[in-house]
Every structure is written in structure tokens, then in C-alpha cells.
């Protein structure tokens, strides 16, 4: 799914698109929804 494609394979708080490492689920969600990865 699209949701799981955003998470890193080793770390659920690592962005699979750019490698950004978030401290928690809220920071990760904010990172994804900020629009940095729109195609």
C-alpha cells in the first residue's frame, strides 16, 4: 500500500523516500504530510 511504502524497511520512523529519520510517529506523519514528496 502507499502507506507502507513511506516507511523504511529497517525502521518504521525512517522515510523510505528520502531517508529522513523521525523521532516518533507524529513527527513522521508531519514529515510525510508536509508535501515534500508529492509527485
PDB file of N, CA and C in Angstrom:
ATOM      1  N   UNK A   1       0.835  -1.187   0.000  1.00  0.00           N
ATOM      2  CA  UNK A   1       0.000   0.000   0.000  1.00  0.00           C
ATOM      3  C   UNK A   1       0.875   1.244   0.000  1.00  0.00           C
ATOM      4  N   UNK A   2       0.267   2.362  -0.301  1.00  0.00           N
ATOM      5  CA  UNK A   2       1.003   3.623  -0.325  1.00  0.00           C
ATOM      6  C   UNK A   2       1.543   3.944   1.064  1.00  0.00           C
ATOM      7  N   UNK A   3       0.727   3.698   2.078  1.00  0.00           N
ATOM      8  CA  UNK A   3       1.140   3.989   3.453  1.00  0.00           C
ATOM      9  C   UNK A   3       2.432   3.267   3.803  1.00  0.00           C
ATOM     10  N   UNK A   4       2.501   1.983   3.579  1.00  0.00           N
ATOM     11  CA  UNK A   4       3.673   1.211   3.947  1.00  0.00           C
ATOM     12  C   UNK A   4       4.883   1.561   3.085  1.00  0.00           C
ATOM     13  N   UNK A   5       4.645   2.062   1.885  1.00  0.00           N
ATOM     14  CA  UNK A   5       5.746   2.457   1.012  1.00  0.00           C
ATOM     15  C   UNK A   5       6.519   3.653   1.525  1.00  0.00           C
ATOM     16  N   UNK A   6       5.957   4.376   2.466  1.00  0.00           N
ATOM     17  CA  UNK A   6       6.618   5.565   3.023  1.00  0.00           C
ATOM     18  C   UNK A   6       7.582   5.211   4.144  1.00  0.00           C
ATOM     19  N   UNK A   7       7.415   4.045   4.772  1.00  0.00           N
ATOM     20  CA  UNK A   7       8.254   3.642   5.899  1.00  0.00           C
ATOM     21  C   UNK A   7       9.497   2.925   5.416  1.00  0.00           C
ATOM     22  N   UNK A   8      10.601   3.116   6.140  1.00  0.00           N
ATOM     23  CA  UNK A   8      11.830   2.402   5.833  1.00  0.00           C
ATOM     24  C   UNK A   8      11.672   0.927   6.157  1.00  0.00           C
ATOM     25  N   UNK A   9      12.528   0.104   5.588  1.00  0.00           N
ATOM     26  CA  UNK A   9      12.450  -1.337   5.808  1.00  0.00           C
ATOM     27  C   UNK A   9      12.978  -1.729   7.188  1.00  0.00           C
ATOM     28  N   UNK A  10      13.996  -1.036   7.661  1.00  0.00           N
ATOM     29  CA  UNK A  10      14.591  -1.369   8.954  1.00  0.00           C
ATOM     30  C   UNK A  10      13.962  -0.603  10.101  1.00  0.00           C
ATOM     31  N   UNK A  11      13.422   0.576   9.805  1.00  0.00           N
ATOM     32  CA  UNK A  11      12.941   1.470  10.864  1.00  0.00           C
ATOM     33  C   UNK A  11      11.614   2.086  10.436  1.00  0.00           C
ATOM     34  N   UNK A  12      10.538   1.899  11.197  1.00  0.00           N
ATOM     35  CA  UNK A  12       9.234   2.438  10.800  1.00  0.00           C
ATOM     36  C   UNK A  12       9.162   3.962  10.818  1.00  0.00           C
ATOM     37  N   UNK A  13      10.121   4.612  11.492  1.00  0.00           N
ATOM     38  CA  UNK A  13      10.130   6.077  11.525  1.00  0.00           C
ATOM     39  C   UNK A  13      11.122   6.680  10.539  1.00  0.00           C
ATOM     40  N   UNK A  14      11.660   5.864   9.651  1.00  0.00           N
ATOM     41  CA  UNK A  14      12.568   6.342   8.618  1.00  0.00           C
ATOM     42  C   UNK A  14      11.791   6.479   7.311  1.00  0.00           C
ATOM     43  N   UNK A  15      11.934   7.608   6.653  1.00  0.00           N
ATOM     44  CA  UNK A  15      11.241   7.848   5.392  1.00  0.00           C
ATOM     45  C   UNK A  15      11.921   7.050   4.281  1.00  0.00           C
ATOM     46  N   UNK A  16      11.159   6.212   3.604  1.00  0.00           N
ATOM     47  CA  UNK A  16      11.690   5.396   2.530  1.00  0.00           C
ATOM     48  C   UNK A  16      11.975   6.227   1.280  1.00  0.00           C
ATOM     49  N   UNK A  17      11.419   7.423   1.208  1.00  0.00           N
ATOM     50  CA  UNK A  17      11.585   8.259   0.022  1.00  0.00           C
ATOM     51  C   UNK A  17      12.843   9.120   0.079  1.00  0.00           C
ATOM     52  N   UNK A  18      13.234   9.570   1.283  1.00  0.00           N
ATOM     53  CA  UNK A  18      14.404  10.449   1.368  1.00  0.00           C
ATOM     54  C   UNK A  18      15.389  10.056   2.462  1.00  0.00           C
ATOM     55  N   UNK A  19      15.009   9.106   3.339  1.00  0.00           N
ATOM     56  CA  UNK A  19      15.903   8.663   4.398  1.00  0.00           C
ATOM     57  C   UNK A  19      15.811   9.465   5.689  1.00  0.00           C
ATOM     58  N   UNK A  20      14.914  10.449   5.744  1.00  0.00           N
ATOM     59  CA  UNK A  20      14.759  11.254   6.958  1.00  0.00           C
ATOM     60  C   UNK A  20      14.326  10.368   8.120  1.00  0.00           C
ATOM     61  N   UNK A  21      14.990  10.517   9.263  1.00  0.00           N
ATOM     62  CA  UNK A  21      14.677   9.723  10.455  1.00  0.00           C
ATOM     63  C   UNK A  21      13.906  10.577  11.437  1.00  0.00           C
ATOM     64  N   UNK A  22      12.663  10.193  11.734  1.00  0.00           N
ATOM     65  CA  UNK A  22      11.814  10.913  12.681  1.00  0.00           C
ATOM     66  C   UNK A  22      11.953  10.301  14.071  1.00  0.00           C
ATOM     67  N   UNK A  23      11.670  11.108  15.086  1.00  0.00           N
ATOM     68  CA  UNK A  23      11.767  10.647  16.468  1.00  0.00           C
ATOM     69  C   UNK A  23      10.553   9.819  16.901  1.00  0.00           C
ATOM     70  N   UNK A  24       9.379  10.112  16.313  1.00  0.00           N
ATOM     71  CA  UNK A  24       8.166   9.398  16.710  1.00  0.00           C
ATOM     72  C   UNK A  24       7.156   9.427  15.563  1.00  0.00           C
ATOM     73  N   UNK A  25       6.007   8.799  15.785  1.00  0.00           N
ATOM     74  CA  UNK A  25       5.003   8.680  14.726  1.00  0.00           C
ATOM     75  C   UNK A  25       4.417  10.022  14.317  1.00  0.00           C
ATOM     76  N   UNK A  26       4.361  10.958  15.251  1.00  0.00           N
ATOM     77  CA  UNK A  26       3.794  12.270  14.955  1.00  0.00           C
ATOM     78  C   UNK A  26       4.721  13.078  14.054  1.00  0.00           C
ATOM     79  N   UNK A  27       6.003  13.041  14.358  1.00  0.00           N
ATOM     80  CA  UNK A  27       6.979  13.730  13.514  1.00  0.00           C
ATOM     81  C   UNK A  27       7.030  13.077  12.125  1.00  0.00           C
ATOM     82  N   UNK A  28       6.938  11.745  12.084  1.00  0.00           N
ATOM     83  CA  UNK A  28       6.950  11.045  10.806  1.00  0.00           C
ATOM     84  C   UNK A  28       5.734  11.433   9.960  1.00  0.00           C
ATOM     85  N   UNK A  29       4.575  11.450  10.583  1.00  0.00           N
ATOM     86  CA  UNK A  29       3.349  11.827   9.880  1.00  0.00           C
ATOM     87  C   UNK A  29       3.448  13.256   9.363  1.00  0.00           C
ATOM     88  N   UNK A  30       3.983  14.141  10.176  1.00  0.00           N
ATOM     89  CA  UNK A  30       4.160  15.532   9.771  1.00  0.00           C
ATOM     90  C   UNK A  30       5.121  15.626   8.587  1.00  0.00           C
ATOM     91  N   UNK A  31       6.186  14.862   8.617  1.00  0.00           N
ATOM     92  CA  UNK A  31       7.165  14.860   7.529  1.00  0.00           C
ATOM     93  C   UNK A  31       6.518  14.445   6.205  1.00  0.00           C
ATOM     94  N   UNK A  32       5.695  13.407   6.248  1.00  0.00           N
ATOM     95  CA  UNK A  32       5.053  12.897   5.030  1.00  0.00           C
ATOM     96  C   UNK A  32       3.983  13.872   4.532  1.00  0.00           C
ATOM     97  N   UNK A  33       3.193  14.428   5.426  1.00  0.00           N
ATOM     98  CA  UNK A  33       2.060  15.259   5.009  1.00  0.00           C
ATOM     99  C   UNK A  33       2.446  16.700   4.676  1.00  0.00           C
ATOM    100  N   UNK A  34       3.672  17.094   4.947  1.00  0.00           N
ATOM    101  CA  UNK A  34       4.106  18.449   4.612  1.00  0.00           C
ATOM    102  C   UNK A  34       4.156  18.700   3.110  1.00  0.00           C
ATOM    103  N   UNK A  35       4.084  17.630   2.323  1.00  0.00           N
ATOM    104  CA  UNK A  35       4.060  17.791   0.883  1.00  0.00           C
ATOM    105  C   UNK A  35       5.427  17.750   0.231  1.00  0.00           C
ATOM    106  N   UNK A  36       6.431  17.316   0.970  1.00  0.00           N
ATOM    107  CA  UNK A  36       7.787  17.259   0.415  1.00  0.00           C
ATOM    108  C   UNK A  36       7.949  16.158  -0.628  1.00  0.00           C
ATOM    109  N   UNK A  37       7.039  15.195  -0.621  1.00  0.00           N
ATOM    110  CA  UNK A  37       7.192  14.038  -1.506  1.00  0.00           C
ATOM    111  C   UNK A  37       6.080  13.913  -2.533  1.00  0.00           C
ATOM    112  N   UNK A  38       5.450  14.993  -2.885  1.00  0.00           N
ATOM    113  CA  UNK A  38       4.411  14.904  -3.911  1.00  0.00           C
ATOM    114  C   UNK A  38       5.045  14.718  -5.272  1.00  0.00           C
ATOM    115  N   UNK A  39       4.371  13.960  -6.102  1.00  0.00           N
ATOM    116  CA  UNK A  39       4.915  13.643  -7.425  1.00  0.00           C
ATOM    117  C   UNK A  39       4.289  14.508  -8.479  1.00  0.00           C
TER     118      UNK A  39
END
